[in-house]
Protein backbone atom coordinates (compact mmCIF):
# COMPACT_ATOMS: atom_id res chain seq x y z
CA MET A 1 85.85 154.16 77.16
CA THR A 2 87.42 151.27 75.07
CA PRO A 3 91.06 150.69 75.90
CA GLN A 4 93.45 151.31 72.97
CA PRO A 5 95.27 148.18 71.48
CA PRO A 6 98.95 147.69 72.46
CA ASP A 7 101.51 149.50 70.12
CA PRO A 8 103.28 146.62 68.46
CA SER A 9 106.39 148.80 68.55
CA GLU A 10 106.54 148.80 72.40
CA PRO A 11 108.02 146.13 74.57
CA ALA A 12 105.45 143.72 76.18
CA PHE A 13 106.80 145.02 79.52
CA GLU A 14 109.68 146.98 81.06
CA LEU A 15 111.01 147.00 84.54
CA ILE A 16 113.16 150.07 85.17
CA GLY A 17 115.27 150.45 88.25
CA ILE A 18 113.36 147.90 90.25
CA SER A 19 114.65 147.50 94.03
CA LYS A 20 112.99 145.37 96.71
CA GLU A 21 114.42 144.61 100.18
CA PHE A 22 113.39 142.17 102.86
CA PRO A 23 114.88 142.14 106.28
CA GLY A 24 118.54 141.19 105.81
CA THR A 25 118.26 140.75 102.18
CA LEU A 26 118.20 143.12 99.14
CA ALA A 27 116.48 140.77 96.59
CA ASN A 28 116.48 143.16 93.72
CA ASP A 29 118.98 145.90 93.42
CA ARG A 30 118.10 148.47 90.56
CA VAL A 31 117.11 145.92 87.95
CA ASP A 32 116.33 146.78 84.34
CA LEU A 33 114.40 144.32 82.12
CA ALA A 34 112.66 144.81 78.80
CA VAL A 35 111.00 141.85 77.03
CA ARG A 36 109.80 142.17 73.40
CA ARG A 37 106.53 141.06 72.15
CA GLY A 38 106.32 137.50 70.51
CA GLU A 39 109.52 136.23 72.18
CA ILE A 40 110.38 133.43 74.65
CA HIS A 41 112.64 135.18 77.20
CA ALA A 42 114.46 133.21 79.80
CA LEU A 43 115.27 134.64 83.19
CA MET A 44 117.94 132.69 85.02
CA GLY A 45 120.01 132.79 88.00
CA GLU A 46 120.91 130.54 91.00
CA ASN A 47 118.24 130.08 93.99
CA GLY A 48 118.13 133.35 95.75
CA ALA A 49 119.25 135.52 92.89
CA GLY A 50 116.03 137.59 92.79
CA LYS A 51 114.24 136.08 89.73
CA SER A 52 111.04 135.23 91.50
CA THR A 53 110.87 138.50 93.44
CA LEU A 54 111.25 140.32 90.25
CA MET A 55 108.47 138.52 88.63
CA SER A 56 106.35 138.98 91.67
CA VAL A 57 106.78 142.60 91.36
CA LEU A 58 105.77 142.50 87.81
CA TYR A 59 102.65 140.51 88.64
CA GLY A 60 101.55 142.67 91.40
CA MET A 61 102.18 140.15 94.28
CA LEU A 62 104.85 142.56 95.66
CA ARG A 63 105.21 146.36 95.67
CA PRO A 64 108.57 147.62 94.70
CA ASP A 65 110.62 149.88 97.18
CA ALA A 66 111.92 151.76 94.08
CA GLY A 67 111.48 151.70 90.18
CA THR A 68 108.95 151.77 87.49
CA VAL A 69 106.78 149.01 85.80
CA LYS A 70 105.49 149.63 82.27
CA VAL A 71 103.09 147.15 80.36
CA ASP A 72 102.31 147.80 76.63
CA GLY A 73 104.29 151.01 77.06
CA ARG A 74 102.04 152.39 79.79
CA GLU A 75 103.28 152.93 83.30
CA VAL A 76 101.28 150.82 85.81
CA SER A 77 101.06 150.23 89.54
CA PHE A 78 99.52 147.12 90.30
CA ALA A 79 97.85 146.59 93.79
CA SER A 80 97.25 142.88 93.29
CA PRO A 81 97.52 140.00 90.81
CA GLY A 82 94.06 140.80 89.72
CA ASP A 83 95.27 144.18 88.46
CA ALA A 84 98.17 142.39 86.50
CA MET A 85 95.68 139.95 85.01
CA ALA A 86 93.33 142.84 83.88
CA ALA A 87 96.54 144.33 82.08
CA GLY A 88 97.06 140.97 80.11
CA LEU A 89 99.71 139.25 82.31
CA GLY A 90 99.32 135.71 83.56
CA MET A 91 101.62 133.85 85.85
CA ALA A 92 101.88 130.01 86.63
CA HIS A 93 103.65 129.35 89.76
CA GLN A 94 106.11 126.47 90.45
CA SER A 95 103.89 125.36 93.20
CA PHE A 96 100.48 124.55 91.56
CA LYS A 97 97.59 126.70 92.59
CA LEU A 98 94.95 123.94 91.96
CA PHE A 99 92.16 122.45 93.79
CA ASP A 100 92.60 118.63 93.85
CA SER A 101 88.97 117.89 94.30
CA LEU A 102 87.65 119.74 91.30
CA THR A 103 87.87 118.74 87.61
CA VAL A 104 90.24 120.15 84.98
CA THR A 105 87.29 122.50 83.63
CA GLU A 106 86.37 123.57 87.16
CA ASN A 107 89.86 124.59 88.01
CA VAL A 108 90.65 126.24 84.46
CA VAL A 109 87.54 128.51 84.70
CA TYR A 110 87.48 129.16 88.51
CA GLY A 111 86.98 132.75 89.06
CA ALA A 112 86.32 133.43 85.27
CA GLU A 113 83.26 131.21 84.70
CA PRO A 114 81.12 131.56 81.75
CA ARG A 115 77.58 132.47 82.79
CA ARG A 116 74.11 132.21 81.60
CA TYR A 117 71.21 133.86 83.26
CA GLY A 118 73.32 134.55 86.23
CA PHE A 119 74.25 130.93 86.71
CA VAL A 120 77.63 129.22 85.73
CA ASP A 121 77.12 127.79 82.34
CA ARG A 122 78.97 124.35 82.87
CA ALA A 123 78.37 123.27 79.27
CA ALA A 124 79.99 126.41 77.99
CA ALA A 125 82.96 126.09 80.34
CA ARG A 126 83.68 122.57 79.29
CA ARG A 127 83.49 123.51 75.58
CA ARG A 128 85.83 126.48 76.16
CA VAL A 129 88.44 124.09 77.91
CA ALA A 130 88.08 121.39 75.34
CA GLU A 131 88.66 124.16 72.64
CA LEU A 132 91.86 125.30 74.35
CA VAL A 133 93.13 121.71 74.70
CA GLU A 134 92.52 121.04 71.13
CA ALA A 135 93.99 124.17 69.84
CA HIS A 136 97.19 123.84 71.77
CA GLY A 137 97.69 120.18 71.86
CA LEU A 138 97.83 119.83 75.62
CA ALA A 139 96.24 116.46 75.85
CA VAL A 140 94.08 116.94 79.04
CA ASP A 141 90.77 115.39 79.87
CA PRO A 142 88.45 118.34 80.83
CA ASP A 143 86.51 115.99 82.98
CA ALA A 144 89.52 114.50 84.86
CA ARG A 145 89.73 115.10 88.59
CA VAL A 146 92.93 117.15 89.18
CA GLY A 147 93.65 115.14 92.24
CA ASP A 148 93.95 112.04 90.14
CA LEU A 149 96.42 113.49 87.61
CA PRO A 150 100.21 113.24 87.62
CA VAL A 151 102.20 116.39 88.07
CA GLY A 152 103.11 116.57 84.60
CA VAL A 153 99.65 116.80 83.52
CA ARG A 154 98.81 119.36 86.30
CA GLN A 155 101.30 121.77 84.64
CA ARG A 156 99.26 121.88 81.56
CA VAL A 157 96.17 122.78 83.60
CA GLU A 158 98.07 125.88 84.98
CA ILE A 159 98.90 126.85 81.44
CA LEU A 160 95.22 126.37 80.45
CA LYS A 161 94.14 128.64 83.24
CA LEU A 162 96.25 131.44 81.79
CA LEU A 163 95.00 131.04 78.13
CA HIS A 164 91.34 130.96 79.27
CA ARG A 165 91.93 134.41 80.93
CA GLY A 166 93.40 135.68 77.60
CA ALA A 167 96.83 136.44 78.91
CA ARG A 168 99.10 138.22 76.38
CA THR A 169 102.17 137.70 78.58
CA LEU A 170 102.73 134.51 80.29
CA ILE A 171 105.17 134.27 83.18
CA LEU A 172 106.10 130.56 83.99
CA ASP A 173 108.02 129.83 87.13
CA GLU A 174 110.10 126.67 86.59
CA PRO A 175 107.44 125.24 84.16
CA THR A 176 109.36 122.09 83.42
CA ALA A 177 110.53 121.39 86.93
CA VAL A 178 107.80 118.60 87.11
CA LEU A 179 107.95 117.47 83.35
CA THR A 180 109.80 114.54 81.75
CA PRO A 181 111.97 115.59 78.71
CA SER A 182 109.22 114.57 76.36
CA GLU A 183 106.55 116.56 78.07
CA ALA A 184 109.10 119.71 78.12
CA ASP A 185 109.57 119.38 74.56
CA ALA A 186 105.88 119.20 74.04
CA LEU A 187 105.29 122.32 76.24
CA PHE A 188 107.89 124.25 74.28
CA GLY A 189 106.14 123.44 71.14
CA VAL A 190 103.03 124.99 72.67
CA LEU A 191 105.01 128.10 73.85
CA ARG A 192 106.38 128.57 70.40
CA SER A 193 102.88 128.52 68.79
CA LEU A 194 101.60 131.08 71.39
CA THR A 195 104.65 133.52 70.54
CA ASP A 196 104.03 133.00 66.95
CA ALA A 197 100.54 134.12 67.48
CA GLY A 198 101.86 137.32 69.09
CA ARG A 199 101.94 136.35 72.80
CA THR A 200 105.03 136.90 75.02
CA VAL A 201 106.44 134.12 77.45
CA VAL A 202 108.85 134.70 80.22
CA LEU A 203 110.57 131.50 81.63
CA VAL A 204 112.01 131.62 85.06
CA THR A 205 114.16 128.42 84.94
CA HIS A 206 117.33 126.60 85.73
CA LYS A 207 117.32 124.32 82.85
CA LEU A 208 120.19 125.12 80.26
CA ARG A 209 119.21 122.69 77.50
CA GLU A 210 115.66 123.98 77.32
CA VAL A 211 116.79 127.51 77.37
CA LEU A 212 119.19 126.93 74.51
CA GLU A 213 116.66 125.00 72.41
CA GLY A 214 113.51 127.05 73.35
CA SER A 215 114.22 130.66 74.07
CA ASP A 216 115.08 133.65 72.05
CA ASN A 217 116.92 135.74 74.61
CA VAL A 218 118.36 135.18 78.11
CA THR A 219 118.68 137.46 81.14
CA VAL A 220 120.92 136.25 83.92
CA MET A 221 120.69 137.45 87.49
CA ARG A 222 123.16 137.06 90.47
CA ASP A 223 122.84 138.43 93.92
CA GLY A 224 119.72 140.49 92.98
CA ARG A 225 121.40 142.15 89.91
CA VAL A 226 121.40 141.66 86.21
CA VAL A 227 124.89 140.25 85.30
CA ALA A 228 124.25 139.26 81.66
CA ARG A 229 122.01 139.85 78.75
CA LEU A 230 122.47 137.06 76.01
CA ARG A 231 120.94 136.42 72.75
CA THR A 232 120.34 132.63 72.85
CA ALA A 233 121.65 131.81 69.35
CA ASP A 234 125.05 133.42 70.18
CA THR A 235 125.66 132.03 73.65
CA THR A 236 126.60 128.64 75.08
CA ALA A 237 125.66 126.59 78.17
CA ASP A 238 128.95 127.20 79.79
CA GLU A 239 128.67 131.01 79.24
CA ILE A 240 125.23 131.00 80.90
CA ALA A 241 126.27 128.72 83.77
CA ALA A 242 129.38 130.88 84.46
CA ALA A 243 127.28 133.95 84.38
CA MET A 244 124.83 132.46 86.92
CA THR A 245 127.39 131.09 89.45
CA GLY A 246 130.45 133.43 88.79
CA ARG A 247 132.59 130.27 88.36
CA SER A 248 133.13 127.23 86.10
CA VAL A 249 130.68 124.48 86.52
CA ALA A 250 130.82 120.92 85.33
CA LEU A 251 127.57 120.24 83.40
CA ASP A 252 126.08 116.75 82.85
CA ARG A 253 128.84 114.99 84.72
CA VAL A 254 128.77 111.28 84.54
CA TYR A 255 130.11 109.69 87.81
CA GLU A 256 132.21 106.52 88.05
CA THR A 257 130.43 103.37 89.07
CA GLY A 258 130.52 102.50 92.75
CA ALA A 259 131.64 99.34 94.45
CA PRO A 260 128.44 97.54 95.52
CA GLY A 261 128.48 95.31 98.70
CA GLU A 262 125.82 93.67 100.74
CA GLU A 263 122.29 93.78 99.75
CA VAL A 264 120.23 96.51 101.63
CA LEU A 265 116.95 96.55 99.83
CA ARG A 266 115.10 93.56 98.37
CA VAL A 267 111.63 93.86 96.79
CA SER A 268 109.75 90.75 95.79
CA GLY A 269 106.52 90.71 93.82
CA LEU A 270 105.34 94.05 95.24
CA THR A 271 101.99 94.98 94.25
CA ALA A 272 100.26 98.14 95.44
CA ALA A 273 97.70 100.62 93.80
CA GLY A 274 99.63 101.71 90.75
CA VAL A 275 102.40 99.03 91.09
CA HIS A 276 102.39 95.53 89.74
CA ASP A 277 104.69 92.65 90.63
CA ALA A 278 107.83 95.00 91.22
CA GLU A 279 111.10 93.13 91.73
CA LEU A 280 114.32 94.93 92.60
CA THR A 281 117.38 95.02 94.69
CA VAL A 282 119.64 97.77 96.03
CA ARG A 283 123.10 97.09 97.51
CA ALA A 284 125.29 98.99 99.87
CA GLY A 285 127.50 101.30 97.83
CA GLU A 286 125.08 101.45 94.84
CA ILE A 287 122.75 103.92 93.50
CA VAL A 288 119.90 102.42 91.43
CA GLY A 289 117.96 104.84 89.33
CA ILE A 290 114.31 104.58 88.07
CA ALA A 291 113.33 106.08 84.87
CA GLY A 292 109.86 106.56 83.21
CA VAL A 293 107.33 108.85 81.76
CA ALA A 294 105.46 110.61 84.68
CA GLY A 295 102.45 108.61 85.98
CA ASN A 296 103.97 105.21 85.31
CA GLY A 297 104.17 103.98 88.88
CA GLN A 298 107.56 105.50 89.95
CA SER A 299 106.00 107.54 92.76
CA GLU A 300 103.64 104.87 93.85
CA LEU A 301 106.48 102.38 94.08
CA VAL A 302 108.54 104.72 96.46
CA GLU A 303 105.50 105.53 98.58
CA ALA A 304 104.90 101.87 99.07
CA LEU A 305 108.62 101.50 100.09
CA ALA A 306 108.35 104.40 102.35
CA GLY A 307 105.29 103.13 104.14
CA LEU A 308 102.92 105.76 102.63
CA ARG A 309 100.99 103.42 100.41
CA GLN A 310 99.51 100.06 101.39
CA VAL A 311 101.04 96.89 100.06
CA ASP A 312 98.58 94.39 98.55
CA SER A 313 101.10 91.61 98.27
CA GLY A 314 104.72 90.81 97.94
CA ARG A 315 107.61 91.56 100.39
CA VAL A 316 110.03 94.46 101.27
CA MET A 317 113.13 93.45 102.98
CA LEU A 318 115.47 96.07 104.41
CA SER A 319 118.92 94.82 105.75
CA GLY A 320 117.39 91.38 106.19
CA ARG A 321 114.40 92.57 108.10
CA ASP A 322 110.74 92.31 106.78
CA ILE A 323 109.20 95.78 106.69
CA THR A 324 106.42 95.05 104.22
CA HIS A 325 103.74 96.32 106.52
CA ALA A 326 105.81 98.37 108.97
CA SER A 327 104.72 101.93 109.66
CA ALA A 328 106.58 104.94 108.10
CA ALA A 329 107.98 105.67 111.49
CA ARG A 330 109.30 102.01 112.05
CA ARG A 331 110.85 102.01 108.75
CA ARG A 332 112.89 105.06 109.57
CA VAL A 333 114.05 103.35 112.89
CA GLU A 334 115.11 100.31 110.85
CA GLY A 335 117.24 102.38 108.39
CA LEU A 336 115.23 104.13 105.87
CA ALA A 337 115.56 107.81 104.91
CA TYR A 338 113.18 109.41 102.40
CA VAL A 339 113.15 112.51 100.25
CA PRO A 340 109.77 112.81 98.67
CA GLU A 341 108.80 114.32 95.41
CA ASP A 342 106.57 117.12 96.91
CA ARG A 343 108.76 118.99 99.19
CA HIS A 344 106.01 121.35 100.26
CA ALA A 345 103.07 119.11 100.98
CA VAL A 346 105.02 115.96 102.14
CA GLY A 347 108.69 116.67 102.80
CA THR A 348 108.54 119.82 104.95
CA ALA A 349 106.22 121.95 107.26
CA PRO A 350 106.40 125.42 105.55
CA ALA A 351 105.07 127.19 108.63
CA ALA A 352 107.62 125.70 110.95
CA SER A 353 111.03 127.16 111.21
CA VAL A 354 114.09 126.04 109.30
CA ALA A 355 115.60 124.59 112.52
CA ASP A 356 112.40 122.67 113.21
CA ASN A 357 112.35 121.16 109.79
CA LEU A 358 115.89 120.17 109.94
CA ALA A 359 115.36 118.60 113.30
CA MET A 360 112.36 116.32 111.92
CA GLY A 361 113.19 112.61 112.22
CA HIS A 362 116.35 113.61 114.38
CA HIS A 363 114.07 114.39 117.34
CA ARG A 364 113.86 110.90 118.47
CA THR A 365 117.55 110.08 118.36
CA ALA A 366 120.62 112.42 118.08
CA LEU A 367 118.84 115.60 119.31
CA SER A 368 116.82 114.21 122.14
CA HIS A 369 117.86 113.92 125.70
CA LYS A 370 115.71 111.84 128.02
CA GLY A 371 112.69 112.61 125.80
CA VAL A 372 113.36 116.46 125.81
CA LEU A 373 114.52 118.44 122.76
CA PRO A 374 116.78 121.20 123.88
CA PRO A 375 116.32 124.41 121.67
CA LYS A 376 120.09 124.88 121.83
CA SER A 377 120.73 121.35 120.33
CA VAL A 378 118.12 122.06 117.60
CA ARG A 379 119.67 125.49 116.64
CA GLU A 380 123.24 124.05 116.49
CA HIS A 381 122.10 121.00 114.32
CA ALA A 382 120.33 123.48 112.02
CA VAL A 383 123.40 125.87 111.78
CA LYS A 384 125.67 122.73 110.84
CA LEU A 385 123.47 121.43 108.07
CA ILE A 386 122.64 124.98 106.70
CA GLU A 387 126.50 125.47 106.13
CA ARG A 388 126.92 121.86 104.88
CA PHE A 389 124.33 122.01 102.30
CA GLY A 390 124.42 125.63 101.45
CA VAL A 391 120.96 126.56 102.38
CA LYS A 392 120.42 130.22 101.99
CA ALA A 393 118.36 131.30 105.07
CA SER A 394 118.54 134.56 106.94
CA SER A 395 118.54 132.60 110.29
CA PRO A 396 117.58 129.07 111.62
CA GLY A 397 114.38 130.53 113.02
CA VAL A 398 112.88 131.88 109.86
CA ALA A 399 109.79 130.13 108.49
CA ALA A 400 110.67 127.34 105.86
CA SER A 401 107.95 129.00 103.54
CA ALA A 402 110.38 132.03 103.41
CA LEU A 403 113.08 129.86 101.56
CA SER A 404 113.11 129.57 97.77
CA GLY A 405 112.22 126.29 96.25
CA GLY A 406 115.80 125.28 95.64
CA ASN A 407 116.71 126.21 99.15
CA LEU A 408 113.83 124.21 100.59
CA GLN A 409 114.99 121.26 98.56
CA LYS A 410 118.53 121.52 99.82
CA LEU A 411 117.03 121.71 103.42
CA LEU A 412 115.19 118.41 102.70
CA ILE A 413 118.09 116.63 101.11
CA GLY A 414 120.46 117.71 103.83
CA ARG A 415 118.02 116.57 106.54
CA GLU A 416 117.61 113.08 105.29
CA ILE A 417 121.26 112.51 104.21
CA ALA A 418 122.24 113.64 107.85
CA HIS A 419 120.34 110.59 109.11
CA ASP A 420 123.11 108.59 107.70
CA ALA A 421 120.56 105.70 107.12
CA PRO A 422 121.53 102.38 105.25
CA LEU A 423 118.84 103.20 102.58
CA LEU A 424 117.93 106.45 101.04
CA LEU A 425 114.83 106.83 98.94
CA VAL A 426 115.09 109.95 96.89
CA GLU A 427 112.54 111.42 94.40
CA GLN A 428 113.37 114.21 92.02
CA PRO A 429 116.41 115.49 94.13
CA THR A 430 117.26 118.54 91.92
CA ARG A 431 113.80 119.51 90.79
CA GLY A 432 113.72 123.28 90.76
CA VAL A 433 117.45 123.64 91.97
CA ASP A 434 119.91 125.91 90.26
CA ILE A 435 123.07 124.53 88.62
CA GLY A 436 125.41 125.17 91.36
CA ALA A 437 123.16 123.40 93.91
CA VAL A 438 122.63 120.45 91.43
CA GLN A 439 126.22 119.84 91.44
CA ASN A 440 126.46 119.98 95.16
CA ILE A 441 123.42 117.60 95.50
CA HIS A 442 124.98 115.14 93.17
CA GLU A 443 128.23 115.09 94.93
CA GLN A 444 126.35 114.69 98.15
CA LEU A 445 124.41 111.59 96.86
CA ILE A 446 127.77 110.08 95.29
CA ALA A 447 129.50 110.61 98.65
CA TYR A 448 126.62 108.89 100.52
CA ARG A 449 126.94 105.88 98.19
CA ASP A 450 130.76 105.77 98.48
CA ALA A 451 130.26 105.79 102.22
CA GLY A 452 128.65 102.40 101.95
CA HIS A 453 124.99 103.37 101.81
CA ALA A 454 122.35 102.36 99.32
CA VAL A 455 120.39 104.92 97.20
CA LEU A 456 117.17 104.38 95.25
CA LEU A 457 116.82 107.36 92.92
CA VAL A 458 113.66 108.36 90.80
CA SER A 459 114.33 111.34 88.56
CA ALA A 460 112.50 112.77 85.52
CA GLU A 461 115.86 113.90 84.34
CA LEU A 462 117.33 111.07 82.17
CA SER A 463 120.83 112.99 82.21
CA GLU A 464 120.66 112.82 86.02
CA VAL A 465 119.65 109.23 86.19
CA ARG A 466 122.30 108.24 83.65
CA GLY A 467 125.00 110.42 85.37
CA LEU A 468 124.37 109.08 88.91
CA ALA A 469 123.02 105.54 88.86
CA ASP A 470 125.02 102.33 88.70
CA ARG A 471 121.91 100.58 87.45
CA ILE A 472 118.84 101.90 85.66
CA LEU A 473 115.39 100.39 85.90
CA VAL A 474 112.63 101.61 83.61
CA MET A 475 108.92 101.54 84.68
CA TYR A 476 105.97 101.31 82.23
CA GLU A 477 102.30 101.06 83.34
CA GLY A 478 103.21 100.25 86.86
CA ARG A 479 105.85 97.54 86.01
CA ILE A 480 109.54 97.41 85.94
CA VAL A 481 110.21 96.48 82.45
CA ALA A 482 113.88 96.71 81.84
CA SER A 483 117.30 97.04 83.74
CA TYR A 484 120.44 98.49 82.34
CA PRO A 485 124.12 98.61 83.86
CA LYS A 486 125.74 101.94 83.90
CA GLY A 487 126.73 103.14 80.40
CA GLU A 488 124.69 100.61 78.49
CA ALA A 489 121.59 102.81 77.90
CA ASP A 490 121.58 106.19 76.05
CA GLU A 491 118.58 108.38 76.14
CA ARG A 492 117.12 106.83 72.86
CA THR A 493 117.26 103.33 74.43
CA LEU A 494 115.74 104.47 77.61
CA GLY A 495 113.09 106.54 75.70
CA LEU A 496 111.97 103.45 73.92
CA ALA A 497 111.69 101.33 77.08
CA MET A 498 109.80 104.19 78.68
CA ALA A 499 107.33 103.97 75.77
CA GLY A 500 106.70 100.36 76.20
CA GLY A 501 109.33 99.05 73.95
CA VAL A 502 110.07 95.90 76.02
CA ASP A 503 107.82 93.06 77.49
CA SER A 504 106.21 94.74 80.43
CA ALA A 505 105.28 91.37 82.11
CA ARG A 506 108.90 90.59 83.22
CA PRO A 507 110.36 91.48 86.51
CA GLU A 508 113.70 93.24 86.94
CA ALA A 509 115.64 89.94 87.27
CA GLU A 510 114.36 88.59 83.86
CA ALA A 511 114.10 91.85 82.00
CA GLU A 512 116.61 92.26 79.19
CA PRO A 513 117.80 95.67 77.70
CA VAL A 514 115.84 96.70 74.57
CA VAL A 515 117.61 96.20 71.30
CA PRO A 516 120.23 99.01 70.78
CA ALA A 517 119.41 101.84 68.67
CA SER A 518 121.72 100.77 65.84
CA ARG A 519 119.56 97.48 65.41
CA THR A 520 116.25 99.13 65.26
CA ALA A 521 114.13 100.57 62.52
CA PRO A 522 112.11 103.36 64.08
CA THR A 523 113.19 106.82 63.29
CA ALA A 524 111.13 108.55 65.86
CA ARG A 525 113.08 110.33 68.70
CA PRO A 526 112.74 108.89 72.21
CA GLU A 527 111.00 112.09 73.50
CA GLU A 528 108.50 111.53 70.63
CA THR A 529 107.83 107.88 71.36
CA ALA A 530 107.56 108.55 75.29
CA GLN A 531 105.36 111.45 74.51
CA THR A 532 103.08 109.03 72.35
CA ALA A 533 102.91 106.60 75.36
CA GLN A 534 101.87 109.46 77.58
CA THR A 535 99.26 110.50 75.24
CA GLU A 536 97.96 107.01 74.72
CA LYS A 537 97.73 106.64 78.40
CA GLY A 538 95.19 109.67 78.40
CA ALA A 539 97.66 111.96 79.96
């Protein structure tokens, strides 16, 4: 029997009275949510508010303790995500579900491969992916190996997977967490074209600017309940932030310049895979920010400084000591702390407890007694950091994998700041973190700087770099191409530099700011020029 087409007057889906409880936590408390067809609906709330749990119920990953789920007007009971996909739902998770060793095409069609004579039709699969890329302007090479792609491009592969499976409702969990502003704008253009064609998009996100510019309606959750239903055109960032946190929050704050002291880090002529002739310094009491379109060498530079990438030439000096070829462990002993971009694969051990994760790196020093790691000391250390950094965990003994992405990030930030190291390397410090936690992390980084430490910050959020950094460096095609003092570069100027608008052969010491916007002729916005650069690089 052929299924009846959806009634256009019915909502795309409805969640009625949904409750879901975990040991010690009521994640969803009688939640109602209805989303119309053809809209971009933002679901917002702080980490632990219940957003991801609610979407996991909708997508068949969790069974509700109470309540009803309707899709296209019909009551459903999904036993698995496969059932949800068959009903026209698709979900892209914050942590990518991709095979690094396979190509884009192989990842997109995996589990839903076109076949001919019983065998996978590779030519048809590639044509299908190429058609989706062309139709939606996603600028992805179907033949590229996913493991070689920057994180911003991998997000597009996740979207392609949903489109290939014909999802009518797309649930995107923090879809722009790994994207630059230009990539985020391009993604919202894609999403709007999808809703114009009748599809529905649900955004689980923290980013107010994108919600205000790209969504139609907003539902705000706090402590497992819906606390606000807002029409985007009629609300403000302050109203949404207040609903999320229950208090007034300072948005996009620009902090005062620090008081730089002695040089802590000096990088001279550093060349490694993805990095060319890098020159930079960071002093005590200073935050130096690095901006750039994803895939232009920022992560590779930090990996080389952290000891995770081989240095081909050049020198790295930390507090006057040469650590160019030192191991990662030796660099920590010499005074380097590191918050990596990927908190799941690099920054933490998800299967280990929260307490054990917070002890990592401390086990050789503060927590160790004659080579023994007393469990009591580990727990006390964890309790102290959990409270200091506002990590929401039911107990120090719970697995780190049980934490939300934002709480795992707070765990990672707190652990590394607690080392009190002279130099902190930090990548994407607030990726996937809620508004209240962003403010807390920013204040922690400023306090760390003001205590006399040096911080090298890499962030895809230009407002974050501009707000925190005392100096801003721009990377393009693996080179540091420009350096700006605090307050001397707006987002347009930075966008032009990120798109290659300066001489990319000059090191930091010689790089001059690009010409201010008032003296330039181009009319393109920075996000457009940055996106052009990303596209020209084959992203």
